[in-house]
Amino acid sequence: MDTVRSYRCALDVEPPINVFSTVDEIAATSVRYSITIKTNFDAKLSTSSLVVKIPTPLDTANVEYKVPSGKAKYVREENLIVWK
């Protein structure tokens, strides 16, 4: 079972990772997700363990995706697109 982590801070600091998403309904049976992930780290730093799970509608029949870096796959059993 996956562990969901969240955090809260009373100080005025920026979160380490920002996720921006847009969902557009193209047609009655088609949806387009646009997801941008930005970090607040120095450009010289990198990670190899970041995983993003994007939920899809339960009645999803087909998934097409384009990722500029990393790899993505559709996990039908969990109704998720997993990007690493």
Protein backbone atom coordinates (compact mmCIF):
# COMPACT_ATOMS: atom_id res chain seq x y z
CA MET A 1 0.00 0.00 0.00
CA ASP A 2 1.32 3.44 -0.93
CA THR A 3 1.93 5.98 1.77
CA VAL A 4 0.52 9.41 1.11
CA ARG A 5 2.66 12.14 2.54
CA SER A 6 1.69 15.71 3.09
CA TYR A 7 3.24 18.47 5.04
CA ARG A 8 2.33 21.82 6.52
CA CYS A 9 4.58 24.62 7.62
CA ALA A 10 3.78 27.68 9.70
CA LEU A 11 6.82 29.52 8.34
CA ASP A 12 6.86 31.55 5.15
CA VAL A 13 8.78 29.08 2.95
CA GLU A 14 8.23 27.73 -0.53
CA PRO A 15 7.35 24.05 -1.02
CA PRO A 16 10.17 21.99 -2.57
CA ILE A 17 8.03 20.97 -5.56
CA ASN A 18 5.16 22.80 -7.25
CA VAL A 19 2.63 20.95 -9.41
CA PHE A 20 0.49 22.90 -11.87
CA SER A 21 -2.30 21.09 -13.67
CA THR A 22 -4.96 21.91 -16.24
CA VAL A 23 -7.77 19.59 -17.28
CA ASP A 24 -9.55 20.31 -20.58
CA GLU A 25 -12.61 18.43 -21.76
CA ILE A 26 -11.97 17.97 -25.49
CA ALA A 27 -15.21 16.08 -26.21
CA ALA A 28 -17.82 14.21 -24.21
CA THR A 29 -15.50 11.20 -24.04
CA SER A 30 -12.06 12.84 -24.17
CA VAL A 31 -10.05 14.74 -21.56
CA ARG A 32 -6.61 16.36 -21.84
CA TYR A 33 -4.38 16.79 -18.79
CA SER A 34 -1.52 19.26 -18.88
CA ILE A 35 0.79 18.88 -15.90
CA THR A 36 3.88 20.95 -15.14
CA ILE A 37 6.20 20.15 -12.26
CA LYS A 38 8.70 22.73 -11.08
CA THR A 39 11.20 22.41 -8.27
CA ASN A 40 12.60 25.16 -6.10
CA PHE A 41 16.07 23.64 -6.05
CA ASP A 42 19.26 24.72 -7.68
CA ALA A 43 19.44 23.58 -11.32
CA LYS A 44 22.57 21.56 -10.50
CA LEU A 45 20.58 19.21 -8.24
CA SER A 46 18.65 16.22 -9.53
CA THR A 47 16.61 13.32 -8.22
CA SER A 48 16.05 9.79 -9.40
CA SER A 49 13.24 8.88 -7.02
CA LEU A 50 10.43 11.32 -7.88
CA VAL A 51 7.22 9.51 -8.86
CA VAL A 52 4.05 11.32 -9.94
CA LYS A 53 0.74 9.44 -9.98
CA ILE A 54 -2.04 11.01 -12.03
CA PRO A 55 -5.52 9.57 -11.49
CA THR A 56 -7.68 8.92 -14.55
CA PRO A 57 -11.46 8.48 -14.80
CA LEU A 58 -12.70 4.99 -13.93
CA ASP A 59 -14.09 4.45 -17.44
CA THR A 60 -10.80 5.26 -19.22
CA ALA A 61 -10.44 3.13 -22.35
CA ASN A 62 -7.27 4.54 -23.92
CA VAL A 63 -4.42 6.77 -22.78
CA GLU A 64 -1.94 8.69 -24.91
CA TYR A 65 0.82 10.72 -23.28
CA LYS A 66 3.87 12.79 -24.15
CA VAL A 67 6.57 13.40 -21.59
CA PRO A 68 9.60 15.62 -22.24
CA SER A 69 11.73 13.63 -19.80
CA GLY A 70 11.47 10.47 -17.77
CA LYS A 71 9.03 7.69 -18.56
CA ALA A 72 5.30 7.36 -18.13
CA LYS A 73 2.96 4.38 -18.24
CA TYR A 74 -0.74 3.79 -17.77
CA VAL A 75 -1.61 1.34 -14.98
CA ARG A 76 -5.14 0.24 -15.88
CA GLU A 77 -5.67 -1.78 -12.67
CA GLU A 78 -5.16 1.36 -10.58
CA ASN A 79 -6.58 3.94 -13.04
CA LEU A 80 -3.32 5.88 -12.90
CA ILE A 81 -0.69 7.33 -15.16
CA VAL A 82 2.64 6.86 -13.38
CA TRP A 83 5.51 9.14 -14.37
CA LYS A 84 9.07 8.54 -13.15
